[in-house]
Amino acid sequence: LGSLGSPFEHIVEHMKEHPADWQAWYDLETPESVPCPLAKSGHATLTPFQSLLVLRCFRIDRVYISVSQFVQSQLGPQFVQPPVVTYSEIFEQSSSTIPVIFVLSPGADPANDVMKLAERLGFGGPRLKLLALGQNQGPLAAQLLETGAQRGQWIMLQNCHLLTSWLRTLEKILENIRNPHKDFRLWLTTEPTPLFPVGILQRSLKVVTEPPNGLKLNMRSSFSRITQEVLNQCA
């Protein structure tokens, strides 16, 4: 850090002269909320990004939170808060020829929300077919797709990343489906994988799902699922 020049050219000497101050700052539970000793002593004026560099050298465990705070202060909170996934809007953007791919993050599972959406729109029960992909599940998935495209069912294939060897077959099946029923929908879930066929990605609507982090985001997610009809019933 000292090799970067101003304002860090004297940081090593400052640490040697004031080790107690640096140790006290290092031991703080949230050191990012307090100016580092170099800035606090008046020896240097640090920008928010330069303060982040100092923190990176001493407390790497606090960098993630500090980067989020930096982005929020410089660009706005909308760049650090994940958007609320509204499944009804996703459905409106989909079609019988445009599958929906949910790219999963740890702890996220859209299956329950898709099932609720299906029930609300009249596609529950036998009109919704769910299949968790795994070994030897390829032929069954192909059969579900063929039947679903003809009868206008919703097909949800979960955990596509566990059967990447079959995804090329899935790509060919989708290419060969001609004039599917207008109600047919294909929902796919997968963890990030470089083996996912580009052809499926290009023709699909991609949705990144993240579990809400913290009370505020959890409340936002919960309220987004409450329809106006439900609110009217509570009045």
C-alpha atoms as a PDB file:
ATOM      1  CA  LEU A   1       0.000   0.000   0.000  1.00  0.00           C
ATOM      2  CA  GLY A   2       2.859   2.320   0.801  1.00  0.00           C
ATOM      3  CA  SER A   3       4.233   1.922  -2.734  1.00  0.00           C
ATOM      4  CA  LEU A   4       1.130   3.641  -4.151  1.00  0.00           C
ATOM      5  CA  GLY A   5       2.475   7.025  -3.071  1.00  0.00           C
ATOM      6  CA  SER A   6       0.312   9.831  -1.748  1.00  0.00           C
ATOM      7  CA  PRO A   7      -1.472   9.653   0.638  1.00  0.00           C
ATOM      8  CA  PHE A   8       0.077   6.355   1.744  1.00  0.00           C
ATOM      9  CA  GLU A   9       3.783   7.141   1.452  1.00  0.00           C
ATOM     10  CA  HIS A  10       4.173   7.459   5.250  1.00  0.00           C
ATOM     11  CA  ILE A  11       1.750   4.747   6.369  1.00  0.00           C
ATOM     12  CA  VAL A  12       4.493   2.277   7.362  1.00  0.00           C
ATOM     13  CA  GLU A  13       6.302   4.857   9.470  1.00  0.00           C
ATOM     14  CA  HIS A  14       3.022   5.915  11.057  1.00  0.00           C
ATOM     15  CA  MET A  15       2.266   2.324  12.042  1.00  0.00           C
ATOM     16  CA  LYS A  16       5.691   1.953  13.647  1.00  0.00           C
ATOM     17  CA  GLU A  17       5.262   5.187  15.600  1.00  0.00           C
ATOM     18  CA  HIS A  18       1.653   4.517  16.708  1.00  0.00           C
ATOM     19  CA  PRO A  19       1.238   0.741  17.026  1.00  0.00           C
ATOM     20  CA  ALA A  20      -1.293   1.031  19.873  1.00  0.00           C
ATOM     21  CA  ASP A  21      -3.602   3.212  17.785  1.00  0.00           C
ATOM     22  CA  TRP A  22      -3.477   0.783  14.861  1.00  0.00           C
ATOM     23  CA  GLN A  23      -4.044  -2.208  17.163  1.00  0.00           C
ATOM     24  CA  ALA A  24      -7.055  -0.526  18.761  1.00  0.00           C
ATOM     25  CA  TRP A  25      -8.521   0.254  15.337  1.00  0.00           C
ATOM     26  CA  TYR A  26      -7.848  -3.279  14.131  1.00  0.00           C
ATOM     27  CA  ASP A  27      -9.649  -4.749  17.160  1.00  0.00           C
ATOM     28  CA  LEU A  28     -12.843  -2.766  16.557  1.00  0.00           C
ATOM     29  CA  GLU A  29     -15.920  -4.789  15.705  1.00  0.00           C
ATOM     30  CA  THR A  30     -16.753  -2.402  12.847  1.00  0.00           C
ATOM     31  CA  PRO A  31     -13.512  -0.637  11.901  1.00  0.00           C
ATOM     32  CA  GLU A  32     -15.050   0.613   8.652  1.00  0.00           C
ATOM     33  CA  SER A  33     -17.216   2.999  10.683  1.00  0.00           C
ATOM     34  CA  VAL A  34     -14.181   4.738  12.202  1.00  0.00           C
ATOM     35  CA  PRO A  35     -11.391   6.556  10.318  1.00  0.00           C
ATOM     36  CA  CYS A  36      -8.121   4.637  10.350  1.00  0.00           C
ATOM     37  CA  PRO A  37      -5.345   6.110  12.541  1.00  0.00           C
ATOM     38  CA  LEU A  38      -3.554   7.577   9.507  1.00  0.00           C
ATOM     39  CA  ALA A  39      -6.594   9.701   8.636  1.00  0.00           C
ATOM     40  CA  LYS A  40      -7.675  10.306  12.241  1.00  0.00           C
ATOM     41  CA  SER A  41      -4.306  11.782  13.194  1.00  0.00           C
ATOM     42  CA  GLY A  42      -4.461  14.289  10.360  1.00  0.00           C
ATOM     43  CA  HIS A  43      -1.386  12.910   8.575  1.00  0.00           C
ATOM     44  CA  ALA A  44      -3.435  12.187   5.460  1.00  0.00           C
ATOM     45  CA  THR A  45      -6.854  12.874   3.981  1.00  0.00           C
ATOM     46  CA  LEU A  46      -8.348   9.689   2.598  1.00  0.00           C
ATOM     47  CA  THR A  47     -11.187   9.338   0.148  1.00  0.00           C
ATOM     48  CA  PRO A  48     -13.814   6.651   0.831  1.00  0.00           C
ATOM     49  CA  PHE A  49     -12.137   4.373  -1.718  1.00  0.00           C
ATOM     50  CA  GLN A  50      -8.694   4.913  -0.189  1.00  0.00           C
ATOM     51  CA  SER A  51     -10.134   4.080   3.240  1.00  0.00           C
ATOM     52  CA  LEU A  52     -11.473   0.884   1.691  1.00  0.00           C
ATOM     53  CA  LEU A  53      -7.958   0.007   0.517  1.00  0.00           C
ATOM     54  CA  VAL A  54      -6.597   0.380   4.037  1.00  0.00           C
ATOM     55  CA  LEU A  55      -9.389  -1.776   5.432  1.00  0.00           C
ATOM     56  CA  ARG A  56      -8.644  -4.437   2.812  1.00  0.00           C
ATOM     57  CA  CYS A  57      -5.087  -4.722   4.103  1.00  0.00           C
ATOM     58  CA  PHE A  58      -6.071  -5.147   7.760  1.00  0.00           C
ATOM     59  CA  ARG A  59      -9.600  -6.561   8.043  1.00  0.00           C
ATOM     60  CA  ILE A  60     -10.520  -8.558   4.966  1.00  0.00           C
ATOM     61  CA  ASP A  61     -13.540  -9.943   6.837  1.00  0.00           C
ATOM     62  CA  ARG A  62     -15.157  -6.482   6.738  1.00  0.00           C
ATOM     63  CA  VAL A  63     -14.500  -5.762   3.054  1.00  0.00           C
ATOM     64  CA  TYR A  64     -17.795  -7.189   1.749  1.00  0.00           C
ATOM     65  CA  ILE A  65     -19.883  -4.945   3.994  1.00  0.00           C
ATOM     66  CA  SER A  66     -17.649  -1.955   3.301  1.00  0.00           C
ATOM     67  CA  VAL A  67     -17.861  -2.408  -0.464  1.00  0.00           C
ATOM     68  CA  SER A  68     -21.645  -2.552  -0.202  1.00  0.00           C
ATOM     69  CA  GLN A  69     -21.652   0.668   1.811  1.00  0.00           C
ATOM     70  CA  PHE A  70     -19.270   2.293  -0.689  1.00  0.00           C
ATOM     71  CA  VAL A  71     -21.437   1.360  -3.676  1.00  0.00           C
ATOM     72  CA  GLN A  72     -24.552   2.534  -1.858  1.00  0.00           C
ATOM     73  CA  SER A  73     -22.996   5.898  -0.994  1.00  0.00           C
ATOM     74  CA  GLN A  74     -21.585   6.481  -4.479  1.00  0.00           C
ATOM     75  CA  LEU A  75     -24.304   5.023  -6.730  1.00  0.00           C
ATOM     76  CA  GLY A  76     -27.383   4.525  -4.582  1.00  0.00           C
ATOM     77  CA  PRO A  77     -29.087   1.735  -2.614  1.00  0.00           C
ATOM     78  CA  GLN A  78     -30.699   0.249  -5.729  1.00  0.00           C
ATOM     79  CA  PHE A  79     -27.287  -1.128  -6.721  1.00  0.00           C
ATOM     80  CA  VAL A  80     -26.848  -3.221  -3.572  1.00  0.00           C
ATOM     81  CA  GLN A  81     -30.418  -4.285  -2.783  1.00  0.00           C
ATOM     82  CA  PRO A  82     -31.637  -7.226  -4.885  1.00  0.00           C
ATOM     83  CA  PRO A  83     -34.941  -6.481  -6.626  1.00  0.00           C
ATOM     84  CA  VAL A  84     -38.051  -8.224  -5.405  1.00  0.00           C
ATOM     85  CA  VAL A  85     -38.950 -11.061  -7.761  1.00  0.00           C
ATOM     86  CA  THR A  86     -42.593 -10.689  -8.830  1.00  0.00           C
ATOM     87  CA  TYR A  87     -43.690 -13.988 -10.323  1.00  0.00           C
ATOM     88  CA  SER A  88     -46.807 -12.610 -11.972  1.00  0.00           C
ATOM     89  CA  GLU A  89     -44.643 -10.165 -13.927  1.00  0.00           C
ATOM     90  CA  ILE A  90     -42.294 -12.983 -14.898  1.00  0.00           C
ATOM     91  CA  PHE A  91     -45.244 -14.963 -16.213  1.00  0.00           C
ATOM     92  CA  GLU A  92     -46.443 -11.999 -18.277  1.00  0.00           C
ATOM     93  CA  GLN A  93     -43.039 -11.781 -19.968  1.00  0.00           C
ATOM     94  CA  SER A  94     -42.889 -15.493 -20.712  1.00  0.00           C
ATOM     95  CA  SER A  95     -44.643 -17.404 -23.476  1.00  0.00           C
ATOM     96  CA  SER A  96     -45.072 -20.935 -24.765  1.00  0.00           C
ATOM     97  CA  THR A  97     -41.803 -20.548 -26.698  1.00  0.00           C
ATOM     98  CA  ILE A  98     -39.843 -18.584 -24.071  1.00  0.00           C
ATOM     99  CA  PRO A  99     -38.786 -20.736 -21.090  1.00  0.00           C
ATOM    100  CA  VAL A 100     -38.015 -19.175 -17.730  1.00  0.00           C
ATOM    101  CA  ILE A 101     -34.651 -20.042 -16.146  1.00  0.00           C
ATOM    102  CA  PHE A 102     -34.164 -19.386 -12.439  1.00  0.00           C
ATOM    103  CA  VAL A 103     -30.467 -19.059 -11.648  1.00  0.00           C
ATOM    104  CA  LEU A 104     -30.299 -20.139  -8.029  1.00  0.00           C
ATOM    105  CA  SER A 105     -28.193 -18.777  -5.225  1.00  0.00           C
ATOM    106  CA  PRO A 106     -27.725 -20.681  -1.935  1.00  0.00           C
ATOM    107  CA  GLY A 107     -30.962 -20.825   0.028  1.00  0.00           C
ATOM    108  CA  ALA A 108     -33.243 -19.807  -2.843  1.00  0.00           C
ATOM    109  CA  ASP A 109     -36.000 -22.085  -4.128  1.00  0.00           C
ATOM    110  CA  PRO A 110     -38.669 -20.629  -6.459  1.00  0.00           C
ATOM    111  CA  ALA A 111     -40.682 -23.863  -6.702  1.00  0.00           C
ATOM    112  CA  ASN A 112     -43.174 -22.899  -3.993  1.00  0.00           C
ATOM    113  CA  ASP A 113     -43.800 -19.480  -5.545  1.00  0.00           C
ATOM    114  CA  VAL A 114     -44.317 -21.021  -8.988  1.00  0.00           C
ATOM    115  CA  MET A 115     -46.821 -23.483  -7.479  1.00  0.00           C
ATOM    116  CA  LYS A 116     -48.744 -20.623  -5.845  1.00  0.00           C
ATOM    117  CA  LEU A 117     -48.745 -18.705  -9.115  1.00  0.00           C
ATOM    118  CA  ALA A 118     -50.037 -21.765 -10.943  1.00  0.00           C
ATOM    119  CA  GLU A 119     -52.869 -22.202  -8.442  1.00  0.00           C
ATOM    120  CA  ARG A 120     -53.814 -18.547  -8.725  1.00  0.00           C
ATOM    121  CA  LEU A 121     -53.912 -18.656 -12.534  1.00  0.00           C
ATOM    122  CA  GLY A 122     -55.737 -21.977 -12.780  1.00  0.00           C
ATOM    123  CA  PHE A 123     -52.751 -24.149 -13.662  1.00  0.00           C
ATOM    124  CA  GLY A 124     -52.521 -26.097 -10.421  1.00  0.00           C
ATOM    125  CA  GLY A 125     -53.130 -29.772  -9.850  1.00  0.00           C
ATOM    126  CA  PRO A 126     -52.636 -31.956 -12.937  1.00  0.00           C
ATOM    127  CA  ARG A 127     -51.760 -28.956 -15.121  1.00  0.00           C
ATOM    128  CA  LEU A 128     -48.482 -28.410 -13.242  1.00  0.00           C
ATOM    129  CA  LYS A 129     -45.749 -31.029 -13.449  1.00  0.00           C
ATOM    130  CA  LEU A 130     -42.590 -30.793 -11.343  1.00  0.00           C
ATOM    131  CA  LEU A 131     -39.546 -33.000 -11.823  1.00  0.00           C
ATOM    132  CA  ALA A 132     -36.221 -32.839  -9.994  1.00  0.00           C
ATOM    133  CA  LEU A 133     -33.574 -33.803 -12.503  1.00  0.00           C
ATOM    134  CA  GLY A 134     -31.008 -36.404 -11.624  1.00  0.00           C
ATOM    135  CA  GLN A 135     -29.590 -39.634 -12.916  1.00  0.00           C
ATOM    136  CA  ASN A 136     -31.862 -41.389 -15.462  1.00  0.00           C
ATOM    137  CA  GLN A 137     -34.495 -38.641 -15.298  1.00  0.00           C
ATOM    138  CA  GLY A 138     -33.858 -37.420 -18.860  1.00  0.00           C
ATOM    139  CA  PRO A 139     -36.385 -39.679 -20.661  1.00  0.00           C
ATOM    140  CA  LEU A 140     -39.137 -38.827 -18.165  1.00  0.00           C
ATOM    141  CA  ALA A 141     -38.431 -35.104 -18.562  1.00  0.00           C
ATOM    142  CA  ALA A 142     -38.610 -35.442 -22.350  1.00  0.00           C
ATOM    143  CA  GLN A 143     -41.975 -37.202 -22.062  1.00  0.00           C
ATOM    144  CA  LEU A 144     -43.327 -34.462 -19.782  1.00  0.00           C
ATOM    145  CA  LEU A 145     -42.209 -31.792 -22.232  1.00  0.00           C
ATOM    146  CA  GLU A 146     -43.892 -33.491 -25.175  1.00  0.00           C
ATOM    147  CA  THR A 147     -47.162 -33.958 -23.294  1.00  0.00           C
ATOM    148  CA  GLY A 148     -47.049 -30.499 -21.730  1.00  0.00           C
ATOM    149  CA  ALA A 149     -46.485 -28.754 -25.070  1.00  0.00           C
ATOM    150  CA  GLN A 150     -49.503 -30.541 -26.521  1.00  0.00           C
ATOM    151  CA  ARG A 151     -51.892 -30.113 -23.589  1.00  0.00           C
ATOM    152  CA  GLY A 152     -50.847 -26.672 -22.381  1.00  0.00           C
ATOM    153  CA  GLN A 153     -49.354 -27.761 -19.061  1.00  0.00           C
ATOM    154  CA  TRP A 154     -46.717 -26.064 -16.966  1.00  0.00           C
ATOM    155  CA  ILE A 155     -43.505 -28.094 -16.687  1.00  0.00           C
ATOM    156  CA  MET A 156     -40.909 -27.281 -14.053  1.00  0.00           C
ATOM    157  CA  LEU A 157     -37.560 -29.048 -14.311  1.00  0.00           C
ATOM    158  CA  GLN A 158     -35.539 -28.466 -11.154  1.00  0.00           C
ATOM    159  CA  ASN A 159     -31.785 -28.676 -10.564  1.00  0.00           C
ATOM    160  CA  CYS A 160     -30.737 -28.734 -14.213  1.00  0.00           C
ATOM    161  CA  HIS A 161     -27.116 -28.388 -13.101  1.00  0.00           C
ATOM    162  CA  LEU A 162     -27.263 -31.970 -11.806  1.00  0.00           C
ATOM    163  CA  LEU A 163     -27.936 -33.368 -15.268  1.00  0.00           C
ATOM    164  CA  THR A 164     -25.881 -31.183 -17.603  1.00  0.00           C
ATOM    165  CA  SER A 165     -25.213 -34.167 -19.881  1.00  0.00           C
ATOM    166  CA  TRP A 166     -28.898 -34.138 -20.845  1.00  0.00           C
ATOM    167  CA  LEU A 167     -29.237 -30.406 -21.431  1.00  0.00           C
ATOM    168  CA  ARG A 168     -28.081 -30.714 -25.047  1.00  0.00           C
ATOM    169  CA  THR A 169     -30.987 -33.085 -25.574  1.00  0.00           C
ATOM    170  CA  LEU A 170     -33.268 -30.536 -23.928  1.00  0.00           C
ATOM    171  CA  GLU A 171     -31.994 -27.903 -26.347  1.00  0.00           C
ATOM    172  CA  LYS A 172     -32.878 -30.108 -29.320  1.00  0.00           C
ATOM    173  CA  ILE A 173     -36.325 -30.880 -27.867  1.00  0.00           C
ATOM    174  CA  LEU A 174     -37.094 -27.176 -27.527  1.00  0.00           C
ATOM    175  CA  GLU A 175     -35.940 -26.557 -31.103  1.00  0.00           C
ATOM    176  CA  ASN A 176     -38.221 -29.313 -32.388  1.00  0.00           C
ATOM    177  CA  ILE A 177     -41.357 -28.188 -30.526  1.00  0.00           C
ATOM    178  CA  ARG A 178     -43.529 -26.617 -33.204  1.00  0.00           C
ATOM    179  CA  ASN A 179     -46.661 -24.625 -32.424  1.00  0.00           C
ATOM    180  CA  PRO A 180     -46.954 -25.526 -28.727  1.00  0.00           C
ATOM    181  CA  HIS A 181     -50.211 -24.941 -26.886  1.00  0.00           C
ATOM    182  CA  LYS A 182     -50.505 -21.271 -25.952  1.00  0.00           C
ATOM    183  CA  ASP A 183     -50.741 -22.158 -22.235  1.00  0.00           C
ATOM    184  CA  PHE A 184     -47.561 -24.259 -22.226  1.00  0.00           C
ATOM    185  CA  ARG A 185     -44.823 -22.929 -19.953  1.00  0.00           C
ATOM    186  CA  LEU A 186     -41.405 -24.343 -19.170  1.00  0.00           C
ATOM    187  CA  TRP A 187     -39.740 -23.381 -15.902  1.00  0.00           C
ATOM    188  CA  LEU A 188     -36.130 -24.384 -15.265  1.00  0.00           C
ATOM    189  CA  THR A 189     -33.996 -24.013 -12.134  1.00  0.00           C
ATOM    190  CA  THR A 190     -30.229 -24.325 -12.088  1.00  0.00           C
ATOM    191  CA  GLU A 191     -27.230 -23.270 -10.114  1.00  0.00           C
ATOM    192  CA  PRO A 192     -24.616 -21.333 -12.111  1.00  0.00           C
ATOM    193  CA  THR A 193     -22.741 -23.727 -14.384  1.00  0.00           C
ATOM    194  CA  PRO A 194     -20.590 -23.156 -17.477  1.00  0.00           C
ATOM    195  CA  LEU A 195     -22.074 -26.312 -19.013  1.00  0.00           C
ATOM    196  CA  PHE A 196     -25.536 -24.831 -19.513  1.00  0.00           C
ATOM    197  CA  PRO A 197     -26.205 -24.670 -23.292  1.00  0.00           C
ATOM    198  CA  VAL A 198     -26.006 -21.162 -24.708  1.00  0.00           C
ATOM    199  CA  GLY A 199     -28.847 -21.930 -27.087  1.00  0.00           C
ATOM    200  CA  ILE A 200     -31.297 -22.419 -24.200  1.00  0.00           C
ATOM    201  CA  LEU A 201     -30.036 -19.303 -22.431  1.00  0.00           C
ATOM    202  CA  GLN A 202     -30.487 -17.149 -25.528  1.00  0.00           C
ATOM    203  CA  ARG A 203     -34.121 -18.117 -25.997  1.00  0.00           C
ATOM    204  CA  SER A 204     -35.066 -17.936 -22.303  1.00  0.00           C
ATOM    205  CA  LEU A 205     -36.073 -15.368 -19.735  1.00  0.00           C
ATOM    206  CA  LYS A 206     -33.394 -15.462 -17.037  1.00  0.00           C
ATOM    207  CA  VAL A 207     -34.186 -14.653 -13.415  1.00  0.00           C
ATOM    208  CA  VAL A 208     -31.583 -14.538 -10.652  1.00  0.00           C
ATOM    209  CA  THR A 209     -33.114 -15.506  -7.325  1.00  0.00           C
ATOM    210  CA  GLU A 210     -31.526 -14.531  -4.022  1.00  0.00           C
ATOM    211  CA  PRO A 211     -32.917 -15.148  -0.559  1.00  0.00           C
ATOM    212  CA  PRO A 212     -33.624 -11.790   1.143  1.00  0.00           C
ATOM    213  CA  ASN A 213     -30.885 -10.732   3.529  1.00  0.00           C
ATOM    214  CA  GLY A 214     -32.012  -8.931   6.658  1.00  0.00           C
ATOM    215  CA  LEU A 215     -35.347  -7.902   8.119  1.00  0.00           C
ATOM    216  CA  LYS A 216     -36.031  -5.080   5.666  1.00  0.00           C
ATOM    217  CA  LEU A 217     -35.550  -7.204   2.555  1.00  0.00           C
ATOM    218  CA  ASN A 218     -37.537 -10.057   4.081  1.00  0.00           C
ATOM    219  CA  MET A 219     -40.425  -7.672   4.743  1.00  0.00           C
ATOM    220  CA  ARG A 220     -40.242  -6.333   1.201  1.00  0.00           C
ATOM    221  CA  SER A 221     -40.321  -9.865  -0.168  1.00  0.00           C
ATOM    222  CA  SER A 222     -43.291 -10.807   2.033  1.00  0.00           C
ATOM    223  CA  PHE A 223     -45.335  -7.706   1.156  1.00  0.00           C
ATOM    224  CA  SER A 224     -44.645  -8.186  -2.563  1.00  0.00           C
ATOM    225  CA  ARG A 225     -46.594 -11.462  -2.388  1.00  0.00           C
ATOM    226  CA  ILE A 226     -49.706  -9.799  -0.965  1.00  0.00           C
ATOM    227  CA  THR A 227     -52.170  -9.000  -3.742  1.00  0.00           C
ATOM    228  CA  GLN A 228     -54.692  -6.166  -3.730  1.00  0.00           C
ATOM    229  CA  GLU A 229     -57.434  -8.781  -3.493  1.00  0.00           C
ATOM    230  CA  VAL A 230     -56.000 -10.073  -0.215  1.00  0.00           C
ATOM    231  CA  LEU A 231     -55.741  -6.530   1.141  1.00  0.00           C
ATOM    232  CA  ASN A 232     -59.375  -5.862   0.234  1.00  0.00           C
ATOM    233  CA  GLN A 233     -60.433  -8.989   2.107  1.00  0.00           C
ATOM    234  CA  CYS A 234     -58.635  -7.750   5.229  1.00  0.00           C
ATOM    235  CA  ALA A 235     -60.320  -4.341   5.125  1.00  0.00           C
END
